[in-house]
N, C-alpha and C. Protein backbone atom coordinates (compact mmCIF):
# COMPACT_ATOMS: atom_id res chain seq x y z
N MET A 1 0.83 -1.21 0.00
CA MET A 1 0.00 0.00 0.00
C MET A 1 0.86 1.26 0.00
N ILE A 2 1.92 1.24 0.82
CA ILE A 2 2.82 2.39 0.90
C ILE A 2 3.47 2.65 -0.45
N LEU A 3 3.91 1.55 -1.10
CA LEU A 3 4.55 1.69 -2.41
C LEU A 3 3.56 2.28 -3.42
N MET A 4 2.33 1.85 -3.36
CA MET A 4 1.30 2.36 -4.27
C MET A 4 1.10 3.86 -4.09
N LEU A 5 1.07 4.29 -2.84
CA LEU A 5 0.89 5.72 -2.56
C LEU A 5 2.11 6.53 -2.99
N LEU A 6 3.30 5.94 -2.84
CA LEU A 6 4.52 6.62 -3.29
C LEU A 6 4.54 6.79 -4.80
N VAL A 7 4.07 5.77 -5.51
CA VAL A 7 4.00 5.85 -6.97
C VAL A 7 3.01 6.95 -7.38
N CYS A 8 1.89 7.03 -6.68
CA CYS A 8 0.91 8.08 -6.96
C CYS A 8 1.51 9.46 -6.73
N ALA A 9 2.28 9.60 -5.66
CA ALA A 9 2.93 10.88 -5.35
C ALA A 9 3.94 11.25 -6.43
N LEU A 10 4.75 10.28 -6.86
CA LEU A 10 5.76 10.55 -7.87
C LEU A 10 5.14 10.92 -9.21
N CYS A 11 4.14 10.14 -9.63
CA CYS A 11 3.47 10.43 -10.90
C CYS A 11 2.77 11.78 -10.86
N GLY A 12 2.14 12.08 -9.73
CA GLY A 12 1.48 13.37 -9.58
C GLY A 12 2.47 14.51 -9.66
N TYR A 13 3.63 14.34 -9.01
CA TYR A 13 4.66 15.39 -9.04
C TYR A 13 5.18 15.61 -10.46
N LEU A 14 5.47 14.54 -11.17
CA LEU A 14 6.01 14.66 -12.52
C LEU A 14 5.01 15.31 -13.46
N ALA A 15 3.73 14.96 -13.30
CA ALA A 15 2.69 15.59 -14.13
C ALA A 15 2.57 17.07 -13.80
N GLY A 16 2.60 17.39 -12.51
CA GLY A 16 2.46 18.78 -12.09
C GLY A 16 3.63 19.65 -12.46
N SER A 17 4.80 19.05 -12.65
CA SER A 17 6.01 19.83 -12.93
C SER A 17 6.14 20.25 -14.39
N ILE A 18 5.20 19.83 -15.24
CA ILE A 18 5.24 20.27 -16.64
C ILE A 18 4.91 21.76 -16.69
N PRO A 19 5.84 22.62 -17.12
CA PRO A 19 5.63 24.08 -17.10
C PRO A 19 4.88 24.57 -18.33
N PHE A 20 3.58 24.38 -18.34
CA PHE A 20 2.80 24.71 -19.52
C PHE A 20 2.89 26.19 -19.90
N GLY A 21 2.90 27.08 -18.91
CA GLY A 21 2.99 28.50 -19.22
C GLY A 21 4.26 28.83 -19.97
N LEU A 22 5.37 28.26 -19.53
CA LEU A 22 6.66 28.48 -20.18
C LEU A 22 6.67 27.91 -21.59
N VAL A 23 6.18 26.68 -21.74
CA VAL A 23 6.16 26.01 -23.05
C VAL A 23 5.27 26.75 -24.04
N LEU A 24 4.07 27.13 -23.60
CA LEU A 24 3.13 27.80 -24.50
C LEU A 24 3.66 29.16 -24.97
N CYS A 25 4.33 29.89 -24.07
CA CYS A 25 4.86 31.19 -24.45
C CYS A 25 5.98 31.06 -25.47
N TYR A 26 6.79 30.03 -25.33
CA TYR A 26 7.84 29.78 -26.33
C TYR A 26 7.21 29.45 -27.68
N ILE A 27 6.19 28.58 -27.65
CA ILE A 27 5.52 28.18 -28.89
C ILE A 27 4.86 29.38 -29.56
N ALA A 28 4.27 30.27 -28.76
CA ALA A 28 3.57 31.44 -29.30
C ALA A 28 4.51 32.56 -29.71
N GLY A 29 5.80 32.39 -29.43
CA GLY A 29 6.77 33.39 -29.86
C GLY A 29 7.05 34.50 -28.87
N TYR A 30 6.63 34.33 -27.61
CA TYR A 30 6.86 35.36 -26.61
C TYR A 30 8.18 35.17 -25.86
N GLY A 31 8.85 34.08 -26.14
CA GLY A 31 10.12 33.82 -25.47
C GLY A 31 9.93 33.29 -24.07
N ASP A 32 10.90 33.55 -23.22
CA ASP A 32 10.90 33.04 -21.85
C ASP A 32 9.98 33.88 -20.97
N ILE A 33 8.87 33.30 -20.53
CA ILE A 33 7.89 34.03 -19.70
C ILE A 33 8.51 34.47 -18.38
N ARG A 34 9.59 33.81 -17.97
CA ARG A 34 10.24 34.17 -16.72
C ARG A 34 10.96 35.52 -16.80
N LYS A 35 11.08 36.06 -18.03
CA LYS A 35 11.69 37.38 -18.22
C LYS A 35 10.66 38.47 -18.44
N ILE A 36 9.37 38.10 -18.23
CA ILE A 36 8.27 39.05 -18.42
C ILE A 36 7.57 39.27 -17.08
N GLY A 37 7.16 40.49 -16.81
CA GLY A 37 6.36 40.78 -15.61
C GLY A 37 7.01 40.30 -14.33
N SER A 38 6.26 39.44 -13.60
CA SER A 38 6.73 38.95 -12.31
C SER A 38 7.76 37.84 -12.43
N GLY A 39 7.92 37.29 -13.64
CA GLY A 39 8.85 36.19 -13.83
C GLY A 39 8.25 34.84 -13.50
N ASN A 40 6.97 34.82 -13.15
CA ASN A 40 6.28 33.58 -12.80
C ASN A 40 5.86 32.84 -14.06
N ILE A 41 5.68 31.51 -13.97
CA ILE A 41 5.28 30.72 -15.14
C ILE A 41 3.78 30.48 -15.18
N GLY A 42 3.03 31.07 -14.26
CA GLY A 42 1.60 30.86 -14.18
C GLY A 42 0.80 31.72 -15.14
N ALA A 43 -0.52 31.48 -15.14
CA ALA A 43 -1.42 32.13 -16.09
C ALA A 43 -1.48 33.65 -15.93
N THR A 44 -1.39 34.13 -14.69
CA THR A 44 -1.46 35.59 -14.48
C THR A 44 -0.32 36.30 -15.19
N ASN A 45 0.86 35.71 -15.13
CA ASN A 45 1.99 36.34 -15.82
C ASN A 45 1.90 36.14 -17.33
N VAL A 46 1.36 35.01 -17.75
CA VAL A 46 1.14 34.79 -19.18
C VAL A 46 0.19 35.85 -19.73
N LEU A 47 -0.80 36.25 -18.92
CA LEU A 47 -1.74 37.28 -19.33
C LEU A 47 -1.04 38.61 -19.59
N ARG A 48 0.09 38.82 -18.97
CA ARG A 48 0.83 40.07 -19.16
C ARG A 48 1.44 40.17 -20.56
N THR A 49 1.41 39.08 -21.32
CA THR A 49 1.82 39.16 -22.72
C THR A 49 0.73 39.84 -23.55
N GLY A 50 -0.49 39.94 -22.97
CA GLY A 50 -1.63 40.49 -23.69
C GLY A 50 -2.44 39.45 -24.42
N ASN A 51 -2.00 38.21 -24.39
CA ASN A 51 -2.69 37.12 -25.09
C ASN A 51 -3.63 36.41 -24.12
N LYS A 52 -4.91 36.82 -24.15
CA LYS A 52 -5.89 36.27 -23.21
C LYS A 52 -6.11 34.78 -23.42
N TRP A 53 -6.10 34.34 -24.69
CA TRP A 53 -6.36 32.93 -24.99
C TRP A 53 -5.21 32.05 -24.52
N LEU A 54 -4.01 32.57 -24.63
CA LEU A 54 -2.85 31.82 -24.16
C LEU A 54 -2.90 31.68 -22.63
N ALA A 55 -3.31 32.75 -21.97
CA ALA A 55 -3.44 32.70 -20.51
C ALA A 55 -4.54 31.72 -20.09
N LEU A 56 -5.65 31.73 -20.84
CA LEU A 56 -6.75 30.81 -20.53
C LEU A 56 -6.31 29.36 -20.74
N LEU A 57 -5.58 29.10 -21.81
CA LEU A 57 -5.09 27.75 -22.07
C LEU A 57 -4.11 27.32 -20.97
N THR A 58 -3.31 28.25 -20.48
CA THR A 58 -2.39 27.94 -19.39
C THR A 58 -3.15 27.55 -18.14
N VAL A 59 -4.21 28.28 -17.83
CA VAL A 59 -5.05 27.96 -16.67
C VAL A 59 -5.61 26.55 -16.79
N ILE A 60 -6.16 26.25 -17.96
CA ILE A 60 -6.80 24.95 -18.18
C ILE A 60 -5.78 23.82 -18.04
N LEU A 61 -4.62 23.97 -18.67
CA LEU A 61 -3.62 22.91 -18.63
C LEU A 61 -3.00 22.76 -17.24
N ASP A 62 -2.77 23.88 -16.55
CA ASP A 62 -2.22 23.80 -15.19
C ASP A 62 -3.21 23.14 -14.23
N ALA A 63 -4.49 23.42 -14.43
CA ALA A 63 -5.52 22.76 -13.61
C ALA A 63 -5.65 21.30 -13.98
N PHE A 64 -5.56 21.03 -15.28
CA PHE A 64 -5.74 19.68 -15.80
C PHE A 64 -4.71 18.71 -15.26
N LYS A 65 -3.45 19.16 -15.13
CA LYS A 65 -2.38 18.22 -14.76
C LYS A 65 -2.56 17.69 -13.34
N ALA A 66 -2.91 18.53 -12.39
CA ALA A 66 -3.13 18.05 -11.02
C ALA A 66 -4.45 17.29 -10.91
N GLY A 67 -5.47 17.81 -11.60
CA GLY A 67 -6.77 17.15 -11.57
C GLY A 67 -6.73 15.78 -12.21
N LEU A 68 -6.01 15.66 -13.32
CA LEU A 68 -5.91 14.37 -14.00
C LEU A 68 -5.15 13.37 -13.15
N ALA A 69 -4.09 13.81 -12.49
CA ALA A 69 -3.35 12.91 -11.61
C ALA A 69 -4.24 12.36 -10.51
N ALA A 70 -5.07 13.24 -9.94
CA ALA A 70 -6.00 12.81 -8.89
C ALA A 70 -7.04 11.84 -9.44
N PHE A 71 -7.55 12.13 -10.62
CA PHE A 71 -8.58 11.28 -11.24
C PHE A 71 -8.05 9.89 -11.56
N ILE A 72 -6.86 9.82 -12.15
CA ILE A 72 -6.28 8.53 -12.53
C ILE A 72 -6.00 7.68 -11.29
N ALA A 73 -5.46 8.32 -10.26
CA ALA A 73 -5.18 7.58 -9.03
C ALA A 73 -6.47 7.03 -8.41
N TYR A 74 -7.51 7.83 -8.44
CA TYR A 74 -8.80 7.39 -7.88
C TYR A 74 -9.35 6.18 -8.63
N LYS A 75 -9.17 6.18 -9.94
CA LYS A 75 -9.71 5.11 -10.76
C LYS A 75 -8.86 3.83 -10.71
N LEU A 76 -7.55 3.97 -10.58
CA LEU A 76 -6.68 2.81 -10.66
C LEU A 76 -6.43 2.12 -9.31
N VAL A 77 -6.47 2.90 -8.24
CA VAL A 77 -6.20 2.33 -6.91
C VAL A 77 -7.46 1.66 -6.38
N PRO A 78 -7.32 0.49 -5.75
CA PRO A 78 -8.49 -0.25 -5.24
C PRO A 78 -9.31 0.56 -4.23
N ASP A 79 -10.60 0.38 -4.28
CA ASP A 79 -11.52 1.05 -3.36
C ASP A 79 -11.63 0.22 -2.08
N LEU A 80 -10.63 0.35 -1.23
CA LEU A 80 -10.57 -0.44 0.00
C LEU A 80 -10.62 0.48 1.22
N GLU A 81 -11.36 0.08 2.23
CA GLU A 81 -11.39 0.85 3.46
C GLU A 81 -10.15 0.53 4.27
N ILE A 82 -9.37 1.55 4.59
CA ILE A 82 -8.10 1.33 5.29
C ILE A 82 -8.09 1.90 6.70
N GLY A 83 -9.21 2.43 7.15
CA GLY A 83 -9.27 3.00 8.48
C GLY A 83 -10.29 4.13 8.54
N THR A 84 -10.07 5.03 9.46
CA THR A 84 -10.97 6.17 9.61
C THR A 84 -10.15 7.45 9.69
N PHE A 85 -10.79 8.55 9.37
CA PHE A 85 -10.17 9.87 9.50
C PHE A 85 -11.26 10.84 9.91
N GLY A 86 -11.07 11.49 11.04
CA GLY A 86 -12.08 12.41 11.52
C GLY A 86 -13.40 11.73 11.84
N GLY A 87 -13.32 10.48 12.21
CA GLY A 87 -14.53 9.75 12.56
C GLY A 87 -15.29 9.16 11.39
N GLN A 88 -14.74 9.31 10.17
CA GLN A 88 -15.39 8.77 8.98
C GLN A 88 -14.49 7.77 8.28
N PRO A 89 -15.09 6.77 7.58
CA PRO A 89 -14.28 5.76 6.89
C PRO A 89 -13.36 6.41 5.86
N LEU A 90 -12.16 5.86 5.73
CA LEU A 90 -11.18 6.36 4.77
C LEU A 90 -10.90 5.29 3.73
N GLN A 91 -11.12 5.62 2.46
CA GLN A 91 -10.89 4.69 1.36
C GLN A 91 -9.50 4.91 0.77
N LEU A 92 -8.86 3.81 0.38
CA LEU A 92 -7.52 3.88 -0.17
C LEU A 92 -7.46 4.71 -1.45
N ASN A 93 -8.44 4.55 -2.33
CA ASN A 93 -8.42 5.29 -3.59
C ASN A 93 -8.62 6.79 -3.37
N VAL A 94 -9.36 7.16 -2.36
CA VAL A 94 -9.55 8.58 -2.04
C VAL A 94 -8.23 9.18 -1.55
N LEU A 95 -7.55 8.45 -0.66
CA LEU A 95 -6.26 8.91 -0.15
C LEU A 95 -5.24 9.02 -1.28
N ALA A 96 -5.20 8.01 -2.15
CA ALA A 96 -4.27 8.03 -3.28
C ALA A 96 -4.55 9.19 -4.21
N SER A 97 -5.83 9.45 -4.44
CA SER A 97 -6.23 10.55 -5.31
C SER A 97 -5.77 11.90 -4.76
N LEU A 98 -5.97 12.10 -3.47
CA LEU A 98 -5.57 13.37 -2.85
C LEU A 98 -4.05 13.53 -2.82
N ILE A 99 -3.35 12.44 -2.57
CA ILE A 99 -1.88 12.50 -2.57
C ILE A 99 -1.35 12.83 -3.96
N ALA A 100 -1.88 12.15 -4.98
CA ALA A 100 -1.44 12.42 -6.36
C ALA A 100 -1.73 13.87 -6.74
N GLY A 101 -2.91 14.36 -6.39
CA GLY A 101 -3.28 15.72 -6.73
C GLY A 101 -2.44 16.76 -6.01
N VAL A 102 -2.21 16.55 -4.72
CA VAL A 102 -1.40 17.49 -3.95
C VAL A 102 0.04 17.52 -4.47
N PHE A 103 0.57 16.36 -4.81
CA PHE A 103 1.92 16.34 -5.37
C PHE A 103 1.95 16.96 -6.77
N GLY A 104 0.81 16.93 -7.46
CA GLY A 104 0.71 17.66 -8.71
C GLY A 104 0.85 19.16 -8.48
N VAL A 105 0.22 19.65 -7.42
CA VAL A 105 0.35 21.06 -7.06
C VAL A 105 1.79 21.39 -6.66
N LEU A 106 2.40 20.48 -5.89
CA LEU A 106 3.80 20.68 -5.49
C LEU A 106 4.72 20.69 -6.70
N GLY A 107 4.42 19.82 -7.68
CA GLY A 107 5.23 19.79 -8.89
C GLY A 107 5.14 21.10 -9.66
N HIS A 108 3.96 21.70 -9.68
CA HIS A 108 3.79 22.99 -10.36
C HIS A 108 4.57 24.08 -9.63
N ASN A 109 4.53 24.04 -8.31
CA ASN A 109 5.24 25.04 -7.52
C ASN A 109 6.75 24.86 -7.54
N PHE A 110 7.18 23.61 -7.55
CA PHE A 110 8.62 23.32 -7.46
C PHE A 110 9.03 22.29 -8.51
N PRO A 111 8.98 22.67 -9.81
CA PRO A 111 9.31 21.71 -10.88
C PRO A 111 10.80 21.41 -10.95
N VAL A 112 11.11 20.14 -11.01
CA VAL A 112 12.50 19.73 -11.04
C VAL A 112 13.21 20.25 -12.29
N TRP A 113 12.45 20.42 -13.39
CA TRP A 113 13.05 20.87 -14.66
C TRP A 113 13.48 22.33 -14.61
N LEU A 114 12.92 23.11 -13.70
CA LEU A 114 13.22 24.54 -13.63
C LEU A 114 13.92 24.90 -12.32
N LYS A 115 14.71 23.97 -11.82
CA LYS A 115 15.45 24.16 -10.58
C LYS A 115 14.53 24.51 -9.42
N PHE A 116 13.34 23.88 -9.43
CA PHE A 116 12.34 24.00 -8.36
C PHE A 116 11.77 25.41 -8.22
N LYS A 117 11.85 26.19 -9.32
CA LYS A 117 11.27 27.53 -9.32
C LYS A 117 10.08 27.54 -10.27
N GLY A 118 8.88 27.39 -9.73
CA GLY A 118 7.69 27.29 -10.55
C GLY A 118 6.64 28.33 -10.24
N GLY A 119 5.39 27.95 -10.44
CA GLY A 119 4.29 28.88 -10.22
C GLY A 119 3.84 28.90 -8.77
N LYS A 120 2.64 29.41 -8.55
CA LYS A 120 2.13 29.57 -7.19
C LYS A 120 1.00 28.60 -6.87
N GLY A 121 0.63 27.77 -7.84
CA GLY A 121 -0.26 26.66 -7.56
C GLY A 121 -1.74 26.94 -7.53
N VAL A 122 -2.17 28.13 -7.93
CA VAL A 122 -3.60 28.46 -7.85
C VAL A 122 -4.42 27.61 -8.81
N SER A 123 -4.02 27.58 -10.08
CA SER A 123 -4.76 26.80 -11.08
C SER A 123 -4.70 25.31 -10.77
N SER A 124 -3.53 24.84 -10.38
CA SER A 124 -3.36 23.43 -10.08
C SER A 124 -4.18 23.02 -8.85
N ALA A 125 -4.21 23.89 -7.85
CA ALA A 125 -5.02 23.61 -6.66
C ALA A 125 -6.50 23.56 -7.04
N PHE A 126 -6.92 24.47 -7.91
CA PHE A 126 -8.31 24.47 -8.35
C PHE A 126 -8.64 23.18 -9.10
N GLY A 127 -7.71 22.73 -9.95
CA GLY A 127 -7.93 21.49 -10.70
C GLY A 127 -8.08 20.29 -9.78
N LEU A 128 -7.24 20.23 -8.76
CA LEU A 128 -7.33 19.16 -7.78
C LEU A 128 -8.69 19.15 -7.09
N ILE A 129 -9.12 20.31 -6.62
CA ILE A 129 -10.39 20.39 -5.91
C ILE A 129 -11.56 20.14 -6.84
N LEU A 130 -11.48 20.64 -8.06
CA LEU A 130 -12.54 20.43 -9.04
C LEU A 130 -12.74 18.95 -9.32
N MET A 131 -11.66 18.21 -9.42
CA MET A 131 -11.74 16.79 -9.76
C MET A 131 -12.15 15.93 -8.57
N THR A 132 -11.88 16.38 -7.35
CA THR A 132 -12.17 15.56 -6.18
C THR A 132 -13.44 15.98 -5.43
N GLN A 133 -13.75 17.26 -5.42
CA GLN A 133 -14.97 17.77 -4.78
C GLN A 133 -15.43 19.02 -5.55
N TRP A 134 -16.09 18.81 -6.70
CA TRP A 134 -16.40 19.92 -7.58
C TRP A 134 -17.29 21.01 -6.96
N PRO A 135 -18.25 20.68 -6.04
CA PRO A 135 -19.03 21.78 -5.45
C PRO A 135 -18.16 22.77 -4.67
N VAL A 136 -17.15 22.25 -3.98
CA VAL A 136 -16.24 23.11 -3.24
C VAL A 136 -15.46 24.01 -4.21
N ALA A 137 -15.03 23.42 -5.32
CA ALA A 137 -14.28 24.17 -6.33
C ALA A 137 -15.12 25.30 -6.91
N LEU A 138 -16.40 25.06 -7.13
CA LEU A 138 -17.26 26.10 -7.69
C LEU A 138 -17.45 27.26 -6.72
N VAL A 139 -17.54 26.96 -5.43
CA VAL A 139 -17.66 28.03 -4.44
C VAL A 139 -16.37 28.85 -4.42
N ALA A 140 -15.23 28.17 -4.45
CA ALA A 140 -13.94 28.87 -4.46
C ALA A 140 -13.80 29.73 -5.72
N LEU A 141 -14.24 29.19 -6.85
CA LEU A 141 -14.19 29.95 -8.10
C LEU A 141 -15.07 31.19 -8.01
N GLY A 142 -16.24 31.05 -7.40
CA GLY A 142 -17.12 32.20 -7.22
C GLY A 142 -16.48 33.30 -6.40
N ILE A 143 -15.77 32.90 -5.36
CA ILE A 143 -15.06 33.88 -4.52
C ILE A 143 -13.96 34.57 -5.32
N TRP A 144 -13.20 33.76 -6.08
CA TRP A 144 -12.12 34.33 -6.88
C TRP A 144 -12.66 35.33 -7.90
N LEU A 145 -13.70 34.96 -8.61
CA LEU A 145 -14.27 35.84 -9.63
C LEU A 145 -14.82 37.13 -9.03
N THR A 146 -15.49 37.00 -7.90
CA THR A 146 -16.05 38.18 -7.23
C THR A 146 -14.95 39.16 -6.84
N MET A 147 -13.89 38.64 -6.25
CA MET A 147 -12.78 39.49 -5.84
C MET A 147 -12.04 40.06 -7.06
N ALA A 148 -11.87 39.25 -8.09
CA ALA A 148 -11.13 39.68 -9.28
C ALA A 148 -11.86 40.82 -10.00
N PHE A 149 -13.17 40.69 -10.17
CA PHE A 149 -13.93 41.72 -10.88
C PHE A 149 -14.14 42.97 -10.02
N THR A 150 -14.11 42.79 -8.69
CA THR A 150 -14.31 43.93 -7.79
C THR A 150 -13.04 44.74 -7.61
N PHE A 151 -11.92 44.04 -7.37
CA PHE A 151 -10.68 44.74 -7.03
C PHE A 151 -9.60 44.65 -8.11
N ARG A 152 -9.75 43.68 -9.04
CA ARG A 152 -8.82 43.49 -10.16
C ARG A 152 -7.40 43.15 -9.72
N TYR A 153 -7.28 42.49 -8.59
CA TYR A 153 -6.01 41.95 -8.16
C TYR A 153 -6.09 40.42 -8.19
N SER A 154 -5.32 39.81 -9.07
CA SER A 154 -5.32 38.34 -9.14
C SER A 154 -4.83 37.73 -7.84
N SER A 155 -3.78 38.30 -7.27
CA SER A 155 -3.21 37.76 -6.04
C SER A 155 -4.19 37.86 -4.88
N LEU A 156 -4.87 38.99 -4.75
CA LEU A 156 -5.84 39.16 -3.67
C LEU A 156 -6.99 38.18 -3.83
N SER A 157 -7.40 37.94 -5.06
CA SER A 157 -8.47 36.98 -5.33
C SER A 157 -8.06 35.58 -4.91
N ALA A 158 -6.84 35.20 -5.27
CA ALA A 158 -6.32 33.88 -4.91
C ALA A 158 -6.18 33.74 -3.40
N LEU A 159 -5.67 34.76 -2.75
CA LEU A 159 -5.49 34.72 -1.31
C LEU A 159 -6.81 34.62 -0.57
N THR A 160 -7.81 35.35 -1.04
CA THR A 160 -9.12 35.30 -0.40
C THR A 160 -9.75 33.93 -0.55
N ALA A 161 -9.69 33.38 -1.77
CA ALA A 161 -10.25 32.05 -2.01
C ALA A 161 -9.50 31.00 -1.19
N ALA A 162 -8.18 31.11 -1.11
CA ALA A 162 -7.38 30.15 -0.34
C ALA A 162 -7.70 30.24 1.15
N ALA A 163 -7.85 31.46 1.66
CA ALA A 163 -8.16 31.63 3.08
C ALA A 163 -9.53 31.08 3.43
N ALA A 164 -10.45 31.16 2.47
CA ALA A 164 -11.81 30.66 2.72
C ALA A 164 -11.91 29.15 2.55
N MET A 165 -10.96 28.56 1.84
CA MET A 165 -11.04 27.15 1.48
C MET A 165 -11.20 26.21 2.67
N PRO A 166 -10.39 26.32 3.73
CA PRO A 166 -10.55 25.41 4.87
C PRO A 166 -11.95 25.46 5.47
N ILE A 167 -12.52 26.66 5.54
CA ILE A 167 -13.87 26.81 6.11
C ILE A 167 -14.91 26.17 5.20
N ILE A 168 -14.78 26.43 3.90
CA ILE A 168 -15.71 25.84 2.93
C ILE A 168 -15.64 24.32 2.98
N ALA A 169 -14.42 23.80 2.96
CA ALA A 169 -14.22 22.35 2.96
C ALA A 169 -14.75 21.70 4.23
N PHE A 170 -14.59 22.37 5.36
CA PHE A 170 -15.06 21.83 6.64
C PHE A 170 -16.55 21.56 6.62
N PHE A 171 -17.30 22.45 5.97
CA PHE A 171 -18.76 22.32 5.96
C PHE A 171 -19.28 21.50 4.78
N MET A 172 -18.50 21.35 3.72
CA MET A 172 -19.03 20.76 2.50
C MET A 172 -18.50 19.38 2.14
N CYS A 173 -17.45 18.90 2.80
CA CYS A 173 -16.91 17.61 2.39
C CYS A 173 -16.34 16.84 3.58
N PRO A 174 -16.05 15.55 3.40
CA PRO A 174 -15.48 14.73 4.47
C PRO A 174 -14.17 15.29 5.00
N PRO A 175 -13.81 14.94 6.25
CA PRO A 175 -12.62 15.50 6.89
C PRO A 175 -11.32 15.30 6.14
N ILE A 176 -11.14 14.17 5.47
CA ILE A 176 -9.88 13.92 4.76
C ILE A 176 -9.66 14.94 3.66
N TYR A 177 -10.73 15.31 2.96
CA TYR A 177 -10.62 16.33 1.92
C TYR A 177 -10.30 17.69 2.54
N ALA A 178 -10.97 18.02 3.63
CA ALA A 178 -10.75 19.30 4.30
C ALA A 178 -9.29 19.42 4.75
N ALA A 179 -8.72 18.32 5.24
CA ALA A 179 -7.33 18.34 5.72
C ALA A 179 -6.37 18.62 4.57
N PHE A 180 -6.54 17.92 3.47
CA PHE A 180 -5.64 18.11 2.32
C PHE A 180 -5.84 19.49 1.69
N TYR A 181 -7.08 19.94 1.58
CA TYR A 181 -7.35 21.25 1.00
C TYR A 181 -6.76 22.37 1.86
N THR A 182 -6.79 22.18 3.18
CA THR A 182 -6.20 23.18 4.07
C THR A 182 -4.70 23.30 3.83
N GLY A 183 -4.05 22.14 3.66
CA GLY A 183 -2.62 22.16 3.36
C GLY A 183 -2.30 22.87 2.05
N VAL A 184 -3.11 22.59 1.03
CA VAL A 184 -2.92 23.25 -0.27
C VAL A 184 -3.16 24.75 -0.15
N ALA A 185 -4.19 25.13 0.59
CA ALA A 185 -4.49 26.56 0.78
C ALA A 185 -3.34 27.28 1.46
N LEU A 186 -2.76 26.66 2.46
CA LEU A 186 -1.61 27.26 3.15
C LEU A 186 -0.43 27.43 2.21
N LEU A 187 -0.22 26.44 1.35
CA LEU A 187 0.87 26.53 0.37
C LEU A 187 0.65 27.70 -0.58
N VAL A 188 -0.59 27.85 -1.06
CA VAL A 188 -0.91 28.96 -1.96
C VAL A 188 -0.64 30.30 -1.28
N ILE A 189 -1.04 30.42 -0.02
CA ILE A 189 -0.84 31.67 0.71
C ILE A 189 0.65 31.96 0.90
N ILE A 190 1.40 30.93 1.29
CA ILE A 190 2.85 31.11 1.49
C ILE A 190 3.54 31.51 0.20
N ARG A 191 3.13 30.90 -0.91
CA ARG A 191 3.74 31.21 -2.20
C ARG A 191 3.43 32.64 -2.67
N HIS A 192 2.44 33.26 -2.06
CA HIS A 192 2.08 34.64 -2.42
C HIS A 192 2.68 35.66 -1.46
N HIS A 193 3.72 35.28 -0.72
CA HIS A 193 4.27 36.20 0.29
C HIS A 193 4.73 37.51 -0.32
N ALA A 194 5.34 37.45 -1.50
CA ALA A 194 5.80 38.69 -2.14
C ALA A 194 4.62 39.54 -2.57
N ASN A 195 3.56 38.90 -3.04
CA ASN A 195 2.35 39.63 -3.44
C ASN A 195 1.70 40.31 -2.25
N ILE A 196 1.71 39.61 -1.12
CA ILE A 196 1.13 40.19 0.10
C ILE A 196 1.88 41.47 0.47
N ALA A 197 3.19 41.42 0.38
CA ALA A 197 4.00 42.61 0.70
C ALA A 197 3.68 43.76 -0.25
N ARG A 198 3.52 43.44 -1.55
CA ARG A 198 3.20 44.50 -2.52
C ARG A 198 1.79 45.04 -2.31
N LEU A 199 0.87 44.17 -1.93
CA LEU A 199 -0.50 44.62 -1.66
C LEU A 199 -0.52 45.59 -0.49
N LEU A 200 0.23 45.29 0.54
CA LEU A 200 0.27 46.15 1.72
C LEU A 200 0.90 47.51 1.41
N LYS A 201 1.83 47.50 0.43
CA LYS A 201 2.49 48.75 0.04
C LYS A 201 1.73 49.49 -1.06
N GLY A 202 0.67 48.86 -1.59
CA GLY A 202 -0.08 49.46 -2.68
C GLY A 202 0.65 49.41 -4.00
N GLU A 203 1.56 48.45 -4.15
CA GLU A 203 2.39 48.36 -5.35
C GLU A 203 2.04 47.16 -6.23
N GLU A 204 1.01 46.39 -5.87
CA GLU A 204 0.67 45.21 -6.64
C GLU A 204 0.01 45.58 -7.97
N SER A 205 0.39 44.86 -9.03
CA SER A 205 -0.19 45.13 -10.35
C SER A 205 -1.61 44.58 -10.43
N LYS A 206 -2.46 45.33 -11.13
CA LYS A 206 -3.84 44.89 -11.30
C LYS A 206 -3.97 44.06 -12.56
N ILE A 207 -5.03 43.28 -12.63
CA ILE A 207 -5.32 42.48 -13.81
C ILE A 207 -5.60 43.42 -14.97
N SER A 208 -4.94 43.17 -16.09
CA SER A 208 -5.12 44.00 -17.28
C SER A 208 -5.27 43.11 -18.50
N PHE A 209 -6.14 43.49 -19.41
CA PHE A 209 -6.32 42.73 -20.63
C PHE A 209 -5.75 43.46 -21.84
N LYS A 210 -4.99 44.51 -21.57
CA LYS A 210 -4.38 45.27 -22.65
C LYS A 210 -3.09 44.60 -23.09
N LYS A 211 -2.85 44.57 -24.36
CA LYS A 211 -1.63 43.96 -24.89
C LYS A 211 -0.43 44.85 -24.60
N LYS A 212 0.62 44.17 -24.07
CA LYS A 212 1.84 44.94 -23.76
C LYS A 212 2.65 45.17 -25.03
């Protein structure tokens, strides 16, 4: 069982470490996205090229890689009860799915191919939650969209959704999901430490759809 979970973690990490934002920008002729804007490989920085469709495709693919890892693990690992968590039965395939998905998020944040310097995990975290507990993901997306259209700060939107995630998960899904989602939310918040500093100083860039 341990070996099976380790394989899920490794496969999830390798899938998550594919730097779609970097690859797509090279293909589209924008060069190294790490030399544009914030230097991040995520969709928000891809949007700074002015190519909305490229940014949207980056979001989809970044979400897809962690979500797909979680989905495959859930389908391939046996549905066996291995104990309890938070007073509720814990299934092996559920645990494997969450481990694969979380390591997909970690792979996006710390890709081995880019010397462990990756994105901030927002899209990948959303993909994981969407694939494992889609109602929770829709609530988080609603929070993100509300904040984004109101204040036009991508980082503030992500931070607000991440901060709300543990509370949402506590009320809407089994404890094992809430525990893993809380860990992912904390990672997202930590990865935005520089954005938090810029927000406090009033120096954070707003979302823009104008071509640079």
